[in-house]
Amino acid sequence: MSARITLKQINKLAIPALISGISEPILSLTDAAIIGNIDLNATESLAAVGIVTTFLSMLIWVLGQTRSAISSIVSQYLGADKLSEVKNLPAQAIFIITSLSFLIILVTYPFAPQIFKLYNASDLILNYSVDYYHIRVFGFPFTLFTIAVFGTFRGLQNTFHPMLIAIAGAIANIFLDIILVYGIEGYVPAMHIKGAAYASVMAQIIMAALSVYYILTKTDIPLLVKFPFNPEIKRFALMIVNLFIRTIALNIALYFGTSFATKYGPTFIAAYTIAINLWFLGAFLIDGYASAGNILSGKLLGGREYKDLIDLSNKLIRYGITIGLIIAVIGTVLYNPIGNLFTDEKEVLDEFYKVFWIVLAMQPLCALAFIFDGVFKGLGKMQYLRNVLLFSTLLVFIPVILIADHLGYKLYGIFTAFTLWIIARGLPLIIKFRKTFKSLAQNT
């Protein structure tokens, strides 16, 4: 076994990445927890947060793939000891992606009511969704900027500074949420769901400002855009296109889940909001080790160290399953208290508790799928990732959720479809990786 890849080395990258990776779900979970406990229309407000969070997650995941593409290219050049050749690439990538974010704001802002009607939102839930989105969307460019900077740091094998940025953003969001949602008598009026949106945007601005500071003071990567484009911008663009298609497939699954839950009524969408946000949190916790796989696999591929790459995958499988089991056990021990954090509505909690065990049971499976997803991103194998997501969404998830809906399984059906979707995502990646790199390792 190679001495190059050790648990200490993996954890040095994974643990800070784990902490930084949960910043976005913490923003949404904080909004959900605080909104779910307000006195005015808590269930409808929680449902609106869930709908908007799903849509924003789609936008962030579609364009936030910049992080994986930048990380992959930078880490491969670092492994090949040619980093100077791509120093101007991150600034160019950030310029492209933030420009697109402003275009998306212009397109989606005026059509927010129509967008959320597609999620079956109506009446008060629709009004709250539009109000919440019309504020939160202005944090979108700052989020994408921060994500791209995180990708640059990851390519440089640095997850520590992104962790500091994420911690600052999460603390700011919690602090601002409490002040703006509930208000301070005589000083700040209670703004309810709008206050949660303002808190999230302010936290995203803080994270973007810290990203500028750390990338300029801790690395020699410039943020000033200079032309002509780097030759690798073509590969970067191709990666983004493949990841874009892949992420659209991913978000089709999330759209169907949210849409069906909304169709079943306010109680079900509120329960689904809690469950899916906890699932997102578990995914981002596991993402720390997926990030380590992303970072290290790109560097090892750049250096043609195929035996170390196999060794890395074996260790990540063990660690991933362990992390998934730990999350499941913690969730089981805290099964009832977790639900009470988000709401005291008995009907909502009853539906949530019926399906939360499925969310916990799929955690080890999620770990394997997400870790190898990260490894393939580090290797730059975006086309294969695209094909796997198209298969798992169109031929597994959608048929299962449609059948489950027809049979009246409601939230059971939604989360059963998610479980089978995760299996269909992870298994092909593991098989493809071992088939490809075992033979290369034997020939070196």
Protein backbone atom coordinates (compact mmCIF):
# COMPACT_ATOMS: atom_id res chain seq x y z
CA MET A 1 0.00 0.00 0.00
CA SER A 2 1.31 3.38 -0.97
CA ALA A 3 2.62 5.59 1.77
CA ARG A 4 1.77 8.62 -0.33
CA ILE A 5 -1.98 8.61 0.37
CA THR A 6 -2.63 8.45 4.11
CA LEU A 7 -5.68 8.99 6.28
CA LYS A 8 -3.98 12.10 7.67
CA GLN A 9 -3.53 13.54 4.19
CA ILE A 10 -7.12 12.75 3.20
CA ASN A 11 -8.51 14.22 6.42
CA LYS A 12 -6.36 17.34 6.06
CA LEU A 13 -8.31 18.06 2.89
CA ALA A 14 -11.64 16.39 3.72
CA ILE A 15 -12.43 17.86 7.14
CA PRO A 16 -12.04 21.54 6.15
CA ALA A 17 -13.87 20.78 2.89
CA LEU A 18 -16.62 19.10 4.89
CA ILE A 19 -17.06 22.20 7.03
CA SER A 20 -16.95 24.60 4.09
CA GLY A 21 -19.26 22.38 2.04
CA ILE A 22 -22.14 22.66 4.48
CA SER A 23 -22.33 26.47 4.21
CA GLU A 24 -25.11 26.49 1.59
CA PRO A 25 -27.33 23.86 3.28
CA ILE A 26 -26.79 25.59 6.61
CA LEU A 27 -28.10 28.82 5.07
CA SER A 28 -31.23 26.98 3.93
CA LEU A 29 -31.59 24.89 7.12
CA THR A 30 -31.26 27.98 9.28
CA ASP A 31 -33.98 29.70 7.27
CA ALA A 32 -36.17 26.58 7.55
CA ALA A 33 -35.64 26.15 11.31
CA ILE A 34 -36.32 29.79 12.15
CA ILE A 35 -39.19 30.25 9.70
CA GLY A 36 -40.80 26.99 10.88
CA ASN A 37 -41.11 28.43 14.38
CA ILE A 38 -42.62 31.86 13.64
CA ASP A 39 -46.12 32.68 14.85
CA LEU A 40 -47.50 33.84 11.49
CA ASN A 41 -48.33 31.13 8.89
CA ALA A 42 -45.35 28.96 9.81
CA THR A 43 -46.38 25.95 7.68
CA GLU A 44 -46.96 28.02 4.54
CA SER A 45 -43.73 29.95 5.10
CA LEU A 46 -41.74 26.74 5.59
CA ALA A 47 -43.26 25.31 2.43
CA ALA A 48 -42.24 28.44 0.49
CA VAL A 49 -38.67 28.22 1.78
CA GLY A 50 -38.54 24.59 0.64
CA ILE A 51 -39.79 25.38 -2.86
CA VAL A 52 -37.44 28.33 -3.38
CA THR A 53 -34.50 26.46 -1.87
CA THR A 54 -35.02 23.66 -4.36
CA PHE A 55 -35.08 26.08 -7.29
CA LEU A 56 -32.06 28.03 -6.05
CA SER A 57 -30.17 24.79 -5.45
CA MET A 58 -30.83 23.91 -9.07
CA LEU A 59 -29.37 27.22 -10.25
CA ILE A 60 -26.39 26.97 -7.91
CA TRP A 61 -25.65 23.37 -8.84
CA VAL A 62 -25.96 24.08 -12.56
CA LEU A 63 -23.59 27.05 -12.62
CA GLY A 64 -21.65 26.12 -9.50
CA GLN A 65 -20.06 23.26 -11.44
CA THR A 66 -17.39 25.85 -12.18
CA ARG A 67 -15.80 24.74 -8.91
CA SER A 68 -15.29 21.17 -10.09
CA ALA A 69 -14.02 22.18 -13.52
CA ILE A 70 -11.52 24.73 -12.13
CA SER A 71 -10.39 22.33 -9.42
CA SER A 72 -9.86 19.50 -11.90
CA ILE A 73 -7.73 21.55 -14.32
CA VAL A 74 -5.70 23.36 -11.65
CA SER A 75 -4.99 20.16 -9.69
CA GLN A 76 -3.90 18.29 -12.83
CA TYR A 77 -1.49 21.08 -13.76
CA LEU A 78 -0.25 21.16 -10.18
CA GLY A 79 0.43 17.41 -10.33
CA ALA A 80 2.29 17.85 -13.61
CA ASP A 81 4.28 20.77 -12.10
CA LYS A 82 2.94 23.20 -14.73
CA LEU A 83 0.74 25.45 -12.61
CA SER A 84 2.08 28.67 -14.14
CA GLU A 85 0.37 27.73 -17.43
CA VAL A 86 -3.15 28.09 -15.97
CA LYS A 87 -2.76 30.94 -13.47
CA ASN A 88 -5.03 33.24 -15.47
CA LEU A 89 -7.74 30.59 -15.94
CA PRO A 90 -9.63 31.05 -12.62
CA ALA A 91 -10.22 34.79 -13.17
CA GLN A 92 -11.53 34.13 -16.68
CA ALA A 93 -13.80 31.35 -15.42
CA ILE A 94 -15.15 33.55 -12.63
CA PHE A 95 -15.84 36.35 -15.12
CA ILE A 96 -17.84 34.00 -17.38
CA ILE A 97 -19.89 32.42 -14.61
CA THR A 98 -20.78 35.63 -12.76
CA SER A 99 -21.83 37.23 -16.05
CA LEU A 100 -24.24 34.35 -16.59
CA SER A 101 -25.61 34.78 -13.07
CA PHE A 102 -26.68 38.36 -13.79
CA LEU A 103 -28.40 37.17 -16.94
CA ILE A 104 -30.30 34.55 -14.94
CA ILE A 105 -31.48 37.20 -12.46
CA LEU A 106 -32.83 39.31 -15.34
CA VAL A 107 -34.66 36.31 -16.81
CA THR A 108 -36.09 34.73 -13.65
CA TYR A 109 -36.98 37.75 -11.49
CA PRO A 110 -40.03 38.94 -13.46
CA PHE A 111 -41.27 35.37 -14.00
CA ALA A 112 -40.99 34.16 -10.40
CA PRO A 113 -44.79 33.57 -10.03
CA GLN A 114 -44.86 31.44 -13.18
CA ILE A 115 -41.76 29.51 -12.09
CA PHE A 116 -43.17 28.57 -8.69
CA LYS A 117 -46.57 27.68 -10.12
CA LEU A 118 -44.66 24.93 -11.93
CA TYR A 119 -43.86 23.58 -8.46
CA ASN A 120 -47.63 23.50 -7.75
CA ALA A 121 -47.37 26.49 -5.40
CA SER A 122 -50.57 28.53 -5.05
CA ASP A 123 -52.27 31.13 -2.88
CA LEU A 124 -50.28 32.09 0.24
CA ILE A 125 -47.45 29.63 -0.46
CA LEU A 126 -46.99 31.14 -3.92
CA ASN A 127 -46.96 34.69 -2.54
CA TYR A 128 -44.38 33.79 0.09
CA SER A 129 -42.26 31.95 -2.48
CA VAL A 130 -42.16 34.98 -4.76
CA ASP A 131 -41.34 37.35 -1.88
CA TYR A 132 -38.53 35.11 -0.64
CA TYR A 133 -37.06 34.54 -4.11
CA HIS A 134 -37.16 38.20 -5.14
CA ILE A 135 -34.72 38.92 -2.32
CA ARG A 136 -32.57 35.78 -2.19
CA VAL A 137 -31.81 35.75 -5.91
CA PHE A 138 -29.60 38.82 -5.49
CA GLY A 139 -27.17 36.71 -3.48
CA PHE A 140 -26.76 34.40 -6.48
CA PRO A 141 -23.74 36.14 -8.13
CA PHE A 142 -21.93 36.32 -4.78
CA THR A 143 -22.54 32.61 -4.19
CA LEU A 144 -21.19 31.64 -7.62
CA PHE A 145 -18.15 33.88 -7.16
CA THR A 146 -17.38 32.21 -3.82
CA ILE A 147 -17.88 28.73 -5.27
CA ALA A 148 -15.42 29.46 -8.11
CA VAL A 149 -12.82 30.74 -5.64
CA PHE A 150 -13.33 27.56 -3.59
CA GLY A 151 -12.61 25.56 -6.76
CA THR A 152 -9.33 27.40 -7.23
CA PHE A 153 -8.30 26.72 -3.64
CA ARG A 154 -9.20 23.04 -4.03
CA GLY A 155 -7.09 22.75 -7.16
CA LEU A 156 -4.20 24.12 -5.10
CA GLN A 157 -4.86 21.39 -2.47
CA ASN A 158 -6.10 23.99 0.01
CA THR A 159 -9.43 23.51 1.79
CA PHE A 160 -8.50 25.43 4.94
CA HIS A 161 -9.25 28.95 3.74
CA PRO A 162 -12.60 28.00 2.17
CA MET A 163 -13.48 26.51 5.56
CA LEU A 164 -12.79 29.85 7.28
CA ILE A 165 -14.94 31.65 4.73
CA ALA A 166 -17.80 29.18 5.13
CA ILE A 167 -17.73 29.35 8.93
CA ALA A 168 -17.92 33.15 8.83
CA GLY A 169 -20.84 33.01 6.39
CA ALA A 170 -22.77 30.45 8.45
CA ILE A 171 -22.32 32.38 11.73
CA ALA A 172 -23.35 35.64 10.04
CA ASN A 173 -26.44 33.99 8.56
CA ILE A 174 -27.63 32.56 11.89
CA PHE A 175 -27.06 35.87 13.68
CA LEU A 176 -28.81 37.91 10.97
CA ASP A 177 -31.67 35.40 10.66
CA ILE A 178 -32.59 35.75 14.31
CA ILE A 179 -32.47 39.56 14.17
CA LEU A 180 -34.30 40.06 10.88
CA VAL A 181 -36.93 37.32 11.13
CA TYR A 182 -38.00 37.95 14.73
CA GLY A 183 -36.88 41.57 14.96
CA ILE A 184 -35.64 43.55 17.95
CA GLU A 185 -38.41 45.49 19.62
CA GLY A 186 -37.91 49.21 19.20
CA TYR A 187 -34.99 48.80 16.80
CA VAL A 188 -35.58 46.26 14.01
CA PRO A 189 -39.08 45.27 12.81
CA ALA A 190 -39.87 41.56 12.45
CA MET A 191 -39.68 40.80 8.73
CA HIS A 192 -40.55 37.08 8.90
CA ILE A 193 -39.79 35.24 5.64
CA LYS A 194 -38.36 38.36 3.98
CA GLY A 195 -35.96 38.76 6.90
CA ALA A 196 -34.65 35.23 6.31
CA ALA A 197 -34.00 36.09 2.67
CA TYR A 198 -32.16 39.32 3.54
CA ALA A 199 -30.04 37.42 6.09
CA SER A 200 -28.98 34.88 3.48
CA VAL A 201 -28.01 37.54 0.95
CA MET A 202 -25.94 39.44 3.51
CA ALA A 203 -24.15 36.25 4.50
CA GLN A 204 -23.37 35.50 0.85
CA ILE A 205 -21.91 39.00 0.38
CA ILE A 206 -19.69 38.50 3.44
CA MET A 207 -18.41 35.18 2.06
CA ALA A 208 -17.64 36.72 -1.33
CA ALA A 209 -15.68 39.57 0.28
CA LEU A 210 -13.64 37.12 2.34
CA SER A 211 -13.01 35.03 -0.79
CA VAL A 212 -11.46 38.05 -2.50
CA TYR A 213 -9.28 38.74 0.52
CA TYR A 214 -7.95 35.19 0.91
CA ILE A 215 -7.35 34.41 -2.78
CA LEU A 216 -5.32 37.63 -3.15
CA THR A 217 -3.37 37.34 0.10
CA LYS A 218 -2.81 33.57 0.37
CA THR A 219 -2.15 32.63 -3.26
CA ASP A 220 -0.52 34.18 -6.32
CA ILE A 221 -3.64 33.57 -8.44
CA PRO A 222 -4.88 36.93 -9.85
CA LEU A 223 -8.54 37.96 -10.00
CA LEU A 224 -8.00 40.62 -12.67
CA VAL A 225 -9.30 39.24 -15.97
CA LYS A 226 -6.78 39.34 -18.81
CA PHE A 227 -7.21 38.26 -22.41
CA PRO A 228 -6.71 36.35 -24.64
CA PHE A 229 -8.39 33.33 -23.06
CA ASN A 230 -6.19 30.58 -21.65
CA PRO A 231 -5.96 27.57 -24.04
CA GLU A 232 -7.59 25.43 -21.33
CA ILE A 233 -10.73 27.56 -21.45
CA LYS A 234 -12.03 25.27 -24.20
CA ARG A 235 -11.68 22.18 -21.99
CA PHE A 236 -13.18 24.16 -19.12
CA ALA A 237 -16.18 25.10 -21.28
CA LEU A 238 -16.67 21.49 -22.43
CA MET A 239 -16.58 20.32 -18.82
CA ILE A 240 -19.16 22.95 -17.91
CA VAL A 241 -21.45 21.90 -20.77
CA ASN A 242 -21.32 18.24 -19.72
CA LEU A 243 -21.79 19.16 -16.07
CA PHE A 244 -24.61 21.50 -17.05
CA ILE A 245 -26.50 18.68 -18.77
CA ARG A 246 -25.72 16.38 -15.84
CA THR A 247 -26.97 18.90 -13.30
CA ILE A 248 -30.14 19.54 -15.29
CA ALA A 249 -30.81 15.79 -15.03
CA LEU A 250 -30.10 15.95 -11.28
CA ASN A 251 -32.47 18.84 -10.80
CA ILE A 252 -35.21 17.20 -12.83
CA ALA A 253 -35.26 14.63 -10.03
CA LEU A 254 -35.39 17.37 -7.39
CA TYR A 255 -38.12 19.17 -9.32
CA PHE A 256 -40.28 16.05 -9.49
CA GLY A 257 -39.77 15.39 -5.78
CA THR A 258 -40.74 18.94 -4.78
CA SER A 259 -43.59 19.16 -7.26
CA PHE A 260 -45.23 15.93 -6.10
CA ALA A 261 -44.78 16.84 -2.43
CA THR A 262 -46.40 20.24 -3.07
CA LYS A 263 -49.29 18.55 -4.88
CA TYR A 264 -50.03 16.47 -1.79
CA GLY A 265 -50.68 19.63 0.26
CA PRO A 266 -48.99 22.12 2.65
CA THR A 267 -48.39 19.51 5.36
CA PHE A 268 -46.53 17.22 2.96
CA ILE A 269 -44.39 19.91 1.34
CA ALA A 270 -43.47 21.24 4.79
CA ALA A 271 -42.44 17.73 5.92
CA TYR A 272 -40.60 17.18 2.64
CA THR A 273 -38.78 20.50 3.08
CA ILE A 274 -37.37 19.37 6.43
CA ALA A 275 -36.42 15.91 5.14
CA ILE A 276 -34.83 17.06 1.88
CA ASN A 277 -32.83 19.80 3.59
CA LEU A 278 -31.50 17.25 6.09
CA TRP A 279 -30.66 15.02 3.13
CA PHE A 280 -28.80 17.95 1.55
CA LEU A 281 -26.93 18.45 4.83
CA GLY A 282 -25.89 14.79 4.88
CA ALA A 283 -24.79 15.07 1.25
CA PHE A 284 -22.63 18.10 1.98
CA LEU A 285 -21.13 16.44 5.06
CA ILE A 286 -20.09 13.50 2.91
CA ASP A 287 -18.93 15.98 0.27
CA GLY A 288 -15.82 16.63 2.38
CA TYR A 289 -14.47 13.23 1.38
CA ALA A 290 -15.81 13.64 -2.13
CA SER A 291 -13.79 16.86 -2.28
CA ALA A 292 -10.68 15.06 -1.08
CA GLY A 293 -11.24 12.52 -3.86
CA ASN A 294 -11.72 15.35 -6.35
CA ILE A 295 -8.58 17.19 -5.25
CA LEU A 296 -6.24 14.21 -4.92
CA SER A 297 -7.43 12.28 -7.98
CA GLY A 298 -6.76 15.25 -10.25
CA LYS A 299 -3.26 15.69 -8.89
CA LEU A 300 -2.48 11.95 -9.08
CA LEU A 301 -3.80 11.75 -12.65
CA GLY A 302 -1.65 14.74 -13.63
CA GLY A 303 1.39 12.94 -12.20
CA ARG A 304 0.38 9.57 -13.76
CA GLU A 305 0.40 7.93 -10.32
CA TYR A 306 -2.19 5.26 -11.08
CA LYS A 307 -1.33 2.89 -8.22
CA ASP A 308 -1.81 5.69 -5.74
CA LEU A 309 -5.10 6.49 -7.45
CA ILE A 310 -6.37 2.94 -6.83
CA ASP A 311 -5.15 3.13 -3.24
CA LEU A 312 -7.00 6.42 -2.80
CA SER A 313 -10.26 4.92 -4.08
CA ASN A 314 -10.03 1.94 -1.72
CA LYS A 315 -9.55 4.21 1.28
CA LEU A 316 -12.32 6.58 0.22
CA ILE A 317 -14.77 3.67 -0.05
CA ARG A 318 -14.02 2.63 3.54
CA TYR A 319 -14.16 6.16 4.89
CA GLY A 320 -17.30 7.00 2.94
CA ILE A 321 -19.27 4.03 4.24
CA THR A 322 -18.09 4.79 7.78
CA ILE A 323 -19.14 8.45 7.54
CA GLY A 324 -22.51 7.46 6.09
CA LEU A 325 -23.14 5.01 8.93
CA ILE A 326 -22.13 7.60 11.55
CA ILE A 327 -24.60 10.12 10.09
CA ALA A 328 -27.33 7.45 10.07
CA VAL A 329 -26.66 6.48 13.70
CA ILE A 330 -26.62 10.10 14.91
CA GLY A 331 -29.86 10.76 13.07
CA THR A 332 -31.44 7.68 14.62
CA VAL A 333 -30.43 8.67 18.16
CA LEU A 334 -31.77 12.22 17.64
CA TYR A 335 -34.75 11.12 15.54
CA ASN A 336 -37.50 13.04 17.39
CA PRO A 337 -35.52 16.09 18.58
CA ILE A 338 -34.38 16.82 15.02
CA GLY A 339 -37.94 17.23 13.80
CA ASN A 340 -38.85 19.47 16.73
CA LEU A 341 -36.06 21.86 15.74
CA PHE A 342 -37.95 22.80 12.60
CA THR A 343 -41.60 22.92 13.59
CA ASP A 344 -44.09 22.13 16.33
CA GLU A 345 -46.90 21.40 13.87
CA LYS A 346 -47.98 17.83 14.75
CA GLU A 347 -49.31 16.99 11.28
CA VAL A 348 -46.04 18.07 9.65
CA LEU A 349 -43.93 16.13 12.18
CA ASP A 350 -46.03 12.98 11.69
CA GLU A 351 -45.35 12.98 7.94
CA PHE A 352 -41.69 13.84 8.46
CA TYR A 353 -41.09 11.00 10.92
CA LYS A 354 -42.68 8.52 8.51
CA VAL A 355 -39.91 9.07 5.95
CA PHE A 356 -36.90 10.34 7.90
CA TRP A 357 -35.70 6.76 8.43
CA ILE A 358 -35.36 6.39 4.64
CA VAL A 359 -33.18 9.51 4.50
CA LEU A 360 -30.95 8.02 7.21
CA ALA A 361 -30.81 4.54 5.66
CA MET A 362 -29.58 5.86 2.32
CA GLN A 363 -26.62 7.77 3.83
CA PRO A 364 -23.95 5.04 3.25
CA LEU A 365 -25.20 4.66 -0.33
CA CYS A 366 -25.06 8.43 -0.78
CA ALA A 367 -21.50 8.42 0.54
CA LEU A 368 -20.28 6.03 -2.16
CA ALA A 369 -22.14 7.83 -4.95
CA PHE A 370 -20.96 11.31 -3.94
CA ILE A 371 -17.35 10.28 -3.30
CA PHE A 372 -16.93 8.67 -6.71
CA ASP A 373 -18.79 11.58 -8.24
CA GLY A 374 -16.03 13.78 -6.78
CA VAL A 375 -13.29 11.45 -8.00
CA PHE A 376 -14.61 11.52 -11.57
CA LYS A 377 -14.82 15.31 -11.47
CA GLY A 378 -11.18 15.45 -10.39
CA LEU A 379 -10.27 13.15 -13.27
CA GLY A 380 -12.13 15.44 -15.68
CA LYS A 381 -14.46 12.59 -16.77
CA MET A 382 -17.49 14.86 -17.03
CA GLN A 383 -19.01 13.12 -20.04
CA TYR A 384 -19.35 9.83 -18.18
CA LEU A 385 -20.87 11.63 -15.18
CA ARG A 386 -23.36 13.23 -17.55
CA ASN A 387 -24.41 9.88 -19.00
CA VAL A 388 -24.80 8.25 -15.58
CA LEU A 389 -27.07 11.05 -14.33
CA LEU A 390 -29.20 10.94 -17.46
CA PHE A 391 -29.64 7.18 -17.03
CA SER A 392 -30.40 7.28 -13.31
CA THR A 393 -32.87 10.17 -13.61
CA LEU A 394 -34.73 9.33 -16.79
CA LEU A 395 -34.77 5.53 -16.52
CA VAL A 396 -34.82 5.01 -12.75
CA PHE A 397 -36.03 7.99 -10.73
CA ILE A 398 -38.88 9.27 -12.92
CA PRO A 399 -40.50 5.86 -13.57
CA VAL A 400 -40.31 4.96 -9.86
CA ILE A 401 -41.81 8.25 -8.61
CA LEU A 402 -44.61 8.11 -11.21
CA ILE A 403 -45.51 4.56 -10.22
CA ALA A 404 -45.31 5.43 -6.51
CA ASP A 405 -47.56 8.46 -7.04
CA HIS A 406 -50.09 6.32 -8.90
CA LEU A 407 -50.11 3.86 -6.00
CA GLY A 408 -50.62 6.68 -3.47
CA TYR A 409 -47.35 6.25 -1.56
CA LYS A 410 -46.77 10.04 -1.36
CA LEU A 411 -43.56 10.89 0.59
CA TYR A 412 -42.69 7.20 0.87
CA GLY A 413 -42.65 7.01 -2.91
CA ILE A 414 -40.58 10.17 -3.32
CA PHE A 415 -37.79 9.03 -1.00
CA THR A 416 -37.84 5.46 -2.32
CA ALA A 417 -37.25 6.95 -5.78
CA PHE A 418 -34.35 9.00 -4.39
CA THR A 419 -32.79 5.86 -2.84
CA LEU A 420 -32.90 3.88 -6.08
CA TRP A 421 -31.62 6.96 -7.93
CA ILE A 422 -28.58 7.10 -5.65
CA ILE A 423 -27.80 3.42 -6.26
CA ALA A 424 -28.08 3.91 -10.03
CA ARG A 425 -25.70 6.89 -9.76
CA GLY A 426 -22.99 5.27 -7.65
CA LEU A 427 -22.65 1.70 -8.86
CA PRO A 428 -21.67 2.48 -12.49
CA LEU A 429 -19.01 4.96 -11.31
CA ILE A 430 -17.33 2.42 -9.04
CA ILE A 431 -17.32 -0.25 -11.76
CA LYS A 432 -15.99 2.14 -14.44
CA PHE A 433 -13.24 3.51 -12.20
CA ARG A 434 -11.88 0.13 -11.15
CA LYS A 435 -12.06 -1.26 -14.69
CA THR A 436 -10.13 1.72 -16.12
CA PHE A 437 -7.43 2.35 -13.54
CA LYS A 438 -6.65 -1.17 -12.35
CA SER A 439 -5.31 -1.98 -15.80
CA LEU A 440 -3.33 1.28 -15.96
CA ALA A 441 -1.86 0.61 -12.50
CA GLN A 442 -0.76 -2.87 -13.57
CA ASN A 443 1.06 -1.47 -16.59
CA THR A 444 3.10 1.12 -14.63
